[in-house]
Structure formats: structure tokens, C-alpha cells
Amino acid sequence: MLCLNTIWVRFALLIPAVWELTWFNLCLLDIGNAHGLGVEALRMLMQMVLTNEEELKLKYFKDDLSTKLCPVEAFLKAVLDVPFAFKRMDAMLYVANFYLEVNQLRMSYATLEV
């Protein structure tokens, strides 16, 4: 089993959240469905920023994912297969938060009107 120690240690706190993310959610990331993933999942994914070395190791890893990589690394490799994954997540997080922020502004404006 390949286990890039730096990845495993850096994301150890996020591991319980990774189990909640399914391969279906990768499809939502691929099509850009911000509301399907949810704000918390997007925030968690945005924290999983890889170094260039880690990204290259995962991107060019060719063996069977289920037997050779740790589960976190297998998931990150699948995320890296999505074009512009981290830029998409950033845009999706903005979209997911947009309506919440608009509603907060409306409530603040309503308070000011009174």
C-alpha cells in the first residue's frame, strides 16, 4: 500500500469527513452542482490543498487504486482527475454561499428600515 505520509498526516483530521463524501459527490463536482455537495463538504474539500510534489505523485500513480493507495489518497487522486477541481470547488463554494449572504443582507436591510 502506497501511503504518502505527508498527505495522510495533514488530512488526518479530515478523514471522518472524507468517508461521508462518495464517488457520487465527485460526479457533482465534475458537473459543478454546488447545492448537491453542500457548503460544509465544499469547505472541507477546499482545505485539502496538495503540494506540487504530492499532486504529481498522485496524478501519475498508475496501479489499482483500491489495493495500492490509502483511502484518502485514492479519493484525492479521483478529485485530481476532475479538470480544474480546486478552482471548481472555489466557484461552487461561492455559489453555495451566495444565497445565504443575500438573505443575511436582506434581513439586515429590513432591520435598518424599521
N, C-alpha and C. Protein backbone atom coordinates (compact mmCIF):
# COMPACT_ATOMS: atom_id res chain seq x y z
N MET A 1 0.85 -1.18 0.00
CA MET A 1 0.00 0.00 0.00
C MET A 1 0.89 1.24 0.00
N LEU A 2 0.70 2.08 -0.98
CA LEU A 2 1.41 3.35 -1.01
C LEU A 2 0.70 4.31 -0.09
N CYS A 3 1.45 4.91 0.78
CA CYS A 3 0.85 5.89 1.67
C CYS A 3 1.79 7.07 1.76
N LEU A 4 1.44 8.14 1.11
CA LEU A 4 2.26 9.34 1.17
C LEU A 4 2.05 9.95 2.55
N ASN A 5 3.01 9.74 3.42
CA ASN A 5 2.86 10.10 4.83
C ASN A 5 2.43 11.54 5.03
N THR A 6 2.95 12.44 4.23
CA THR A 6 2.59 13.85 4.43
C THR A 6 1.11 14.08 4.17
N ILE A 7 0.56 13.42 3.17
CA ILE A 7 -0.86 13.58 2.87
C ILE A 7 -1.69 13.00 4.01
N TRP A 8 -1.33 11.79 4.44
CA TRP A 8 -2.09 11.12 5.49
C TRP A 8 -2.10 11.94 6.77
N VAL A 9 -0.95 12.46 7.17
CA VAL A 9 -0.85 13.23 8.42
C VAL A 9 -1.58 14.56 8.29
N ARG A 10 -1.41 15.24 7.18
CA ARG A 10 -2.02 16.56 7.02
C ARG A 10 -3.54 16.49 7.00
N PHE A 11 -4.10 15.41 6.49
CA PHE A 11 -5.54 15.32 6.36
C PHE A 11 -6.17 14.37 7.38
N ALA A 12 -5.42 14.00 8.41
CA ALA A 12 -5.92 13.05 9.41
C ALA A 12 -7.18 13.56 10.09
N LEU A 13 -7.25 14.85 10.34
CA LEU A 13 -8.43 15.42 10.98
C LEU A 13 -9.64 15.44 10.06
N LEU A 14 -9.40 15.42 8.76
CA LEU A 14 -10.49 15.48 7.80
C LEU A 14 -10.99 14.10 7.38
N ILE A 15 -10.33 13.05 7.84
CA ILE A 15 -10.68 11.70 7.40
C ILE A 15 -12.14 11.34 7.67
N PRO A 16 -12.70 11.62 8.85
CA PRO A 16 -14.13 11.29 9.02
C PRO A 16 -15.02 11.98 7.99
N ALA A 17 -14.67 13.19 7.60
CA ALA A 17 -15.46 13.89 6.60
C ALA A 17 -15.27 13.27 5.22
N VAL A 18 -14.10 12.72 4.96
CA VAL A 18 -13.85 12.09 3.65
C VAL A 18 -14.75 10.88 3.46
N TRP A 19 -14.98 10.13 4.53
CA TRP A 19 -15.83 8.95 4.40
C TRP A 19 -17.26 9.34 4.01
N GLU A 20 -17.68 10.54 4.39
CA GLU A 20 -19.02 10.99 4.04
C GLU A 20 -19.12 11.33 2.56
N LEU A 21 -18.00 11.68 1.96
CA LEU A 21 -18.00 12.01 0.54
C LEU A 21 -17.96 10.72 -0.27
N THR A 22 -18.86 10.61 -1.20
CA THR A 22 -18.93 9.39 -2.01
C THR A 22 -18.44 9.69 -3.41
N TRP A 23 -18.33 8.66 -4.19
CA TRP A 23 -17.93 8.85 -5.59
C TRP A 23 -19.02 9.59 -6.35
N PHE A 24 -20.26 9.50 -5.87
CA PHE A 24 -21.35 10.28 -6.47
C PHE A 24 -21.06 11.77 -6.33
N ASN A 25 -20.48 12.17 -5.19
CA ASN A 25 -20.15 13.57 -4.99
C ASN A 25 -19.07 14.04 -5.96
N LEU A 26 -18.20 13.13 -6.38
CA LEU A 26 -17.22 13.50 -7.40
C LEU A 26 -17.92 13.84 -8.71
N CYS A 27 -19.01 13.13 -9.00
CA CYS A 27 -19.79 13.45 -10.20
C CYS A 27 -20.41 14.84 -10.06
N LEU A 28 -20.89 15.17 -8.86
CA LEU A 28 -21.44 16.51 -8.62
C LEU A 28 -20.37 17.57 -8.80
N LEU A 29 -19.15 17.27 -8.37
CA LEU A 29 -18.03 18.19 -8.56
C LEU A 29 -17.73 18.34 -10.04
N ASP A 30 -17.79 17.24 -10.76
CA ASP A 30 -17.49 17.26 -12.19
C ASP A 30 -18.50 18.10 -12.97
N ILE A 31 -19.78 18.04 -12.58
CA ILE A 31 -20.78 18.83 -13.30
C ILE A 31 -21.00 20.21 -12.69
N GLY A 32 -20.40 20.45 -11.51
CA GLY A 32 -20.49 21.78 -10.90
C GLY A 32 -21.75 22.01 -10.10
N ASN A 33 -22.31 20.98 -9.49
CA ASN A 33 -23.53 21.11 -8.70
C ASN A 33 -23.18 21.50 -7.27
N ALA A 34 -23.20 22.80 -6.98
CA ALA A 34 -22.80 23.30 -5.66
C ALA A 34 -23.80 22.91 -4.59
N HIS A 35 -25.07 22.89 -4.92
CA HIS A 35 -26.09 22.63 -3.90
C HIS A 35 -26.14 21.15 -3.54
N GLY A 36 -25.76 20.28 -4.46
CA GLY A 36 -25.74 18.85 -4.16
C GLY A 36 -24.65 18.48 -3.17
N LEU A 37 -23.52 19.16 -3.25
CA LEU A 37 -22.42 18.87 -2.33
C LEU A 37 -22.63 19.50 -0.96
N GLY A 38 -23.11 20.71 -0.94
CA GLY A 38 -23.30 21.39 0.34
C GLY A 38 -22.08 22.21 0.73
N VAL A 39 -22.33 23.21 1.55
CA VAL A 39 -21.29 24.16 1.94
C VAL A 39 -20.20 23.48 2.77
N GLU A 40 -20.59 22.64 3.73
CA GLU A 40 -19.60 22.01 4.61
C GLU A 40 -18.66 21.08 3.84
N ALA A 41 -19.20 20.30 2.92
CA ALA A 41 -18.35 19.40 2.13
C ALA A 41 -17.39 20.20 1.26
N LEU A 42 -17.87 21.29 0.68
CA LEU A 42 -17.00 22.12 -0.15
C LEU A 42 -15.91 22.77 0.68
N ARG A 43 -16.25 23.25 1.87
CA ARG A 43 -15.22 23.85 2.75
C ARG A 43 -14.17 22.82 3.12
N MET A 44 -14.61 21.61 3.43
CA MET A 44 -13.67 20.55 3.78
C MET A 44 -12.76 20.22 2.60
N LEU A 45 -13.32 20.13 1.41
CA LEU A 45 -12.52 19.84 0.23
C LEU A 45 -11.53 20.95 -0.08
N MET A 46 -11.92 22.19 0.18
CA MET A 46 -11.02 23.31 -0.08
C MET A 46 -9.81 23.29 0.85
N GLN A 47 -9.93 22.64 2.00
CA GLN A 47 -8.80 22.53 2.92
C GLN A 47 -7.80 21.48 2.48
N MET A 48 -8.18 20.63 1.55
CA MET A 48 -7.31 19.55 1.10
C MET A 48 -6.42 19.99 -0.05
N VAL A 49 -5.66 21.04 0.15
CA VAL A 49 -4.76 21.54 -0.88
C VAL A 49 -3.47 20.74 -0.82
N LEU A 50 -3.05 20.24 -1.95
CA LEU A 50 -1.84 19.42 -2.04
C LEU A 50 -0.65 20.26 -2.47
N THR A 51 0.54 19.82 -2.07
CA THR A 51 1.75 20.44 -2.59
C THR A 51 1.94 19.95 -4.02
N ASN A 52 2.80 20.62 -4.77
CA ASN A 52 3.05 20.20 -6.16
C ASN A 52 3.60 18.78 -6.21
N GLU A 53 4.50 18.45 -5.28
CA GLU A 53 5.09 17.11 -5.25
C GLU A 53 4.02 16.05 -4.99
N GLU A 54 3.15 16.29 -4.02
CA GLU A 54 2.08 15.34 -3.71
C GLU A 54 1.13 15.19 -4.88
N GLU A 55 0.81 16.31 -5.51
CA GLU A 55 -0.10 16.27 -6.65
C GLU A 55 0.48 15.45 -7.79
N LEU A 56 1.76 15.66 -8.08
CA LEU A 56 2.39 14.91 -9.16
C LEU A 56 2.46 13.42 -8.85
N LYS A 57 2.78 13.07 -7.59
CA LYS A 57 2.83 11.65 -7.22
C LYS A 57 1.48 10.98 -7.42
N LEU A 58 0.42 11.66 -7.01
CA LEU A 58 -0.91 11.08 -7.15
C LEU A 58 -1.38 11.06 -8.60
N LYS A 59 -1.08 12.14 -9.31
CA LYS A 59 -1.56 12.25 -10.69
C LYS A 59 -0.97 11.17 -11.59
N TYR A 60 0.29 10.85 -11.37
CA TYR A 60 0.96 9.88 -12.24
C TYR A 60 1.04 8.48 -11.64
N PHE A 61 0.33 8.24 -10.58
CA PHE A 61 0.27 6.90 -9.99
C PHE A 61 -0.63 6.04 -10.86
N LYS A 62 -0.16 4.85 -11.26
CA LYS A 62 -0.89 4.06 -12.27
C LYS A 62 -1.49 2.75 -11.78
N ASP A 63 -1.15 2.26 -10.59
CA ASP A 63 -1.66 0.95 -10.16
C ASP A 63 -3.11 1.01 -9.73
N ASP A 64 -3.65 -0.15 -9.37
CA ASP A 64 -5.04 -0.27 -8.93
C ASP A 64 -5.26 0.54 -7.67
N LEU A 65 -6.22 1.45 -7.71
CA LEU A 65 -6.44 2.37 -6.59
C LEU A 65 -6.90 1.67 -5.32
N SER A 66 -7.72 0.65 -5.44
CA SER A 66 -8.30 0.04 -4.24
C SER A 66 -7.28 -0.76 -3.43
N THR A 67 -6.22 -1.24 -4.05
CA THR A 67 -5.26 -2.05 -3.31
C THR A 67 -3.95 -1.34 -3.03
N LYS A 68 -3.66 -0.27 -3.69
CA LYS A 68 -2.34 0.33 -3.56
C LYS A 68 -2.33 1.66 -2.82
N LEU A 69 -3.39 2.41 -2.85
CA LEU A 69 -3.41 3.72 -2.20
C LEU A 69 -4.25 3.68 -0.94
N CYS A 70 -3.89 4.52 0.00
CA CYS A 70 -4.74 4.71 1.18
C CYS A 70 -6.08 5.28 0.70
N PRO A 71 -7.16 5.08 1.45
CA PRO A 71 -8.46 5.59 1.01
C PRO A 71 -8.48 7.10 0.76
N VAL A 72 -7.80 7.85 1.60
CA VAL A 72 -7.76 9.31 1.42
C VAL A 72 -7.05 9.65 0.12
N GLU A 73 -5.93 8.96 -0.14
CA GLU A 73 -5.18 9.22 -1.35
C GLU A 73 -5.95 8.80 -2.60
N ALA A 74 -6.68 7.69 -2.50
CA ALA A 74 -7.49 7.25 -3.64
C ALA A 74 -8.55 8.30 -3.96
N PHE A 75 -9.17 8.85 -2.91
CA PHE A 75 -10.17 9.89 -3.12
C PHE A 75 -9.54 11.14 -3.73
N LEU A 76 -8.38 11.55 -3.20
CA LEU A 76 -7.70 12.73 -3.74
C LEU A 76 -7.27 12.52 -5.19
N LYS A 77 -6.84 11.31 -5.52
CA LYS A 77 -6.48 11.02 -6.91
C LYS A 77 -7.70 11.17 -7.81
N ALA A 78 -8.85 10.70 -7.35
CA ALA A 78 -10.07 10.85 -8.13
C ALA A 78 -10.46 12.32 -8.26
N VAL A 79 -10.24 13.10 -7.22
CA VAL A 79 -10.51 14.55 -7.29
C VAL A 79 -9.60 15.20 -8.32
N LEU A 80 -8.33 14.80 -8.34
CA LEU A 80 -7.38 15.37 -9.29
C LEU A 80 -7.72 15.03 -10.74
N ASP A 81 -8.47 13.95 -10.95
CA ASP A 81 -8.88 13.58 -12.30
C ASP A 81 -9.96 14.51 -12.85
N VAL A 82 -10.62 15.26 -11.97
CA VAL A 82 -11.63 16.24 -12.40
C VAL A 82 -10.88 17.49 -12.87
N PRO A 83 -11.13 17.96 -14.10
CA PRO A 83 -10.43 19.14 -14.60
C PRO A 83 -10.69 20.37 -13.72
N PHE A 84 -9.62 21.06 -13.35
CA PHE A 84 -9.68 22.29 -12.55
C PHE A 84 -10.50 22.09 -11.28
N ALA A 85 -10.28 20.98 -10.59
CA ALA A 85 -11.12 20.60 -9.44
C ALA A 85 -11.14 21.67 -8.36
N PHE A 86 -9.99 22.19 -7.97
CA PHE A 86 -9.96 23.13 -6.86
C PHE A 86 -10.53 24.49 -7.26
N LYS A 87 -10.36 24.88 -8.50
CA LYS A 87 -10.99 26.13 -8.98
C LYS A 87 -12.50 25.96 -9.03
N ARG A 88 -12.96 24.78 -9.44
CA ARG A 88 -14.40 24.49 -9.45
C ARG A 88 -14.97 24.54 -8.04
N MET A 89 -14.23 23.94 -7.09
CA MET A 89 -14.71 23.94 -5.70
C MET A 89 -14.83 25.35 -5.16
N ASP A 90 -13.86 26.19 -5.50
CA ASP A 90 -13.90 27.58 -5.05
C ASP A 90 -15.12 28.30 -5.62
N ALA A 91 -15.38 28.11 -6.91
CA ALA A 91 -16.54 28.73 -7.53
C ALA A 91 -17.84 28.17 -6.97
N MET A 92 -17.88 26.86 -6.73
CA MET A 92 -19.08 26.23 -6.18
C MET A 92 -19.35 26.69 -4.76
N LEU A 93 -18.29 26.91 -3.98
CA LEU A 93 -18.45 27.42 -2.62
C LEU A 93 -19.02 28.83 -2.65
N TYR A 94 -18.57 29.64 -3.60
CA TYR A 94 -19.12 30.99 -3.75
C TYR A 94 -20.61 30.93 -4.08
N VAL A 95 -20.98 30.06 -5.01
CA VAL A 95 -22.39 29.92 -5.40
C VAL A 95 -23.22 29.42 -4.23
N ALA A 96 -22.70 28.44 -3.50
CA ALA A 96 -23.45 27.88 -2.38
C ALA A 96 -23.65 28.91 -1.27
N ASN A 97 -22.68 29.78 -1.06
CA ASN A 97 -22.78 30.81 -0.01
C ASN A 97 -23.54 32.04 -0.47
N PHE A 98 -23.70 32.22 -1.77
CA PHE A 98 -24.28 33.45 -2.30
C PHE A 98 -25.68 33.71 -1.75
N TYR A 99 -26.54 32.70 -1.81
CA TYR A 99 -27.93 32.91 -1.37
C TYR A 99 -28.01 33.14 0.14
N LEU A 100 -27.14 32.50 0.89
CA LEU A 100 -27.11 32.75 2.34
C LEU A 100 -26.72 34.20 2.63
N GLU A 101 -25.73 34.69 1.91
CA GLU A 101 -25.29 36.06 2.11
C GLU A 101 -26.35 37.06 1.67
N VAL A 102 -27.03 36.77 0.57
CA VAL A 102 -28.10 37.66 0.10
C VAL A 102 -29.22 37.73 1.14
N ASN A 103 -29.60 36.58 1.69
CA ASN A 103 -30.65 36.57 2.72
C ASN A 103 -30.23 37.33 3.96
N GLN A 104 -28.98 37.22 4.37
CA GLN A 104 -28.49 37.96 5.52
C GLN A 104 -28.52 39.46 5.25
N LEU A 105 -28.16 39.85 4.04
CA LEU A 105 -28.21 41.27 3.68
C LEU A 105 -29.64 41.79 3.67
N ARG A 106 -30.57 40.98 3.18
CA ARG A 106 -31.99 41.38 3.18
C ARG A 106 -32.50 41.57 4.60
N MET A 107 -32.13 40.66 5.48
CA MET A 107 -32.57 40.77 6.87
C MET A 107 -31.95 42.01 7.53
N SER A 108 -30.70 42.28 7.23
CA SER A 108 -30.05 43.47 7.78
C SER A 108 -30.71 44.74 7.25
N TYR A 109 -31.03 44.74 5.97
CA TYR A 109 -31.68 45.89 5.37
C TYR A 109 -33.08 46.09 5.97
N ALA A 110 -33.80 44.99 6.19
CA ALA A 110 -35.13 45.08 6.80
C ALA A 110 -35.04 45.65 8.21
N THR A 111 -33.99 45.29 8.93
CA THR A 111 -33.79 45.83 10.28
C THR A 111 -33.51 47.32 10.22
N LEU A 112 -32.74 47.74 9.24
CA LEU A 112 -32.43 49.16 9.10
C LEU A 112 -33.66 49.98 8.71
N GLU A 113 -34.56 49.38 7.93
CA GLU A 113 -35.77 50.09 7.53
C GLU A 113 -36.68 50.36 8.71
N VAL A 114 -36.68 49.49 9.69
CA VAL A 114 -37.56 49.65 10.85
C VAL A 114 -36.98 50.70 11.72
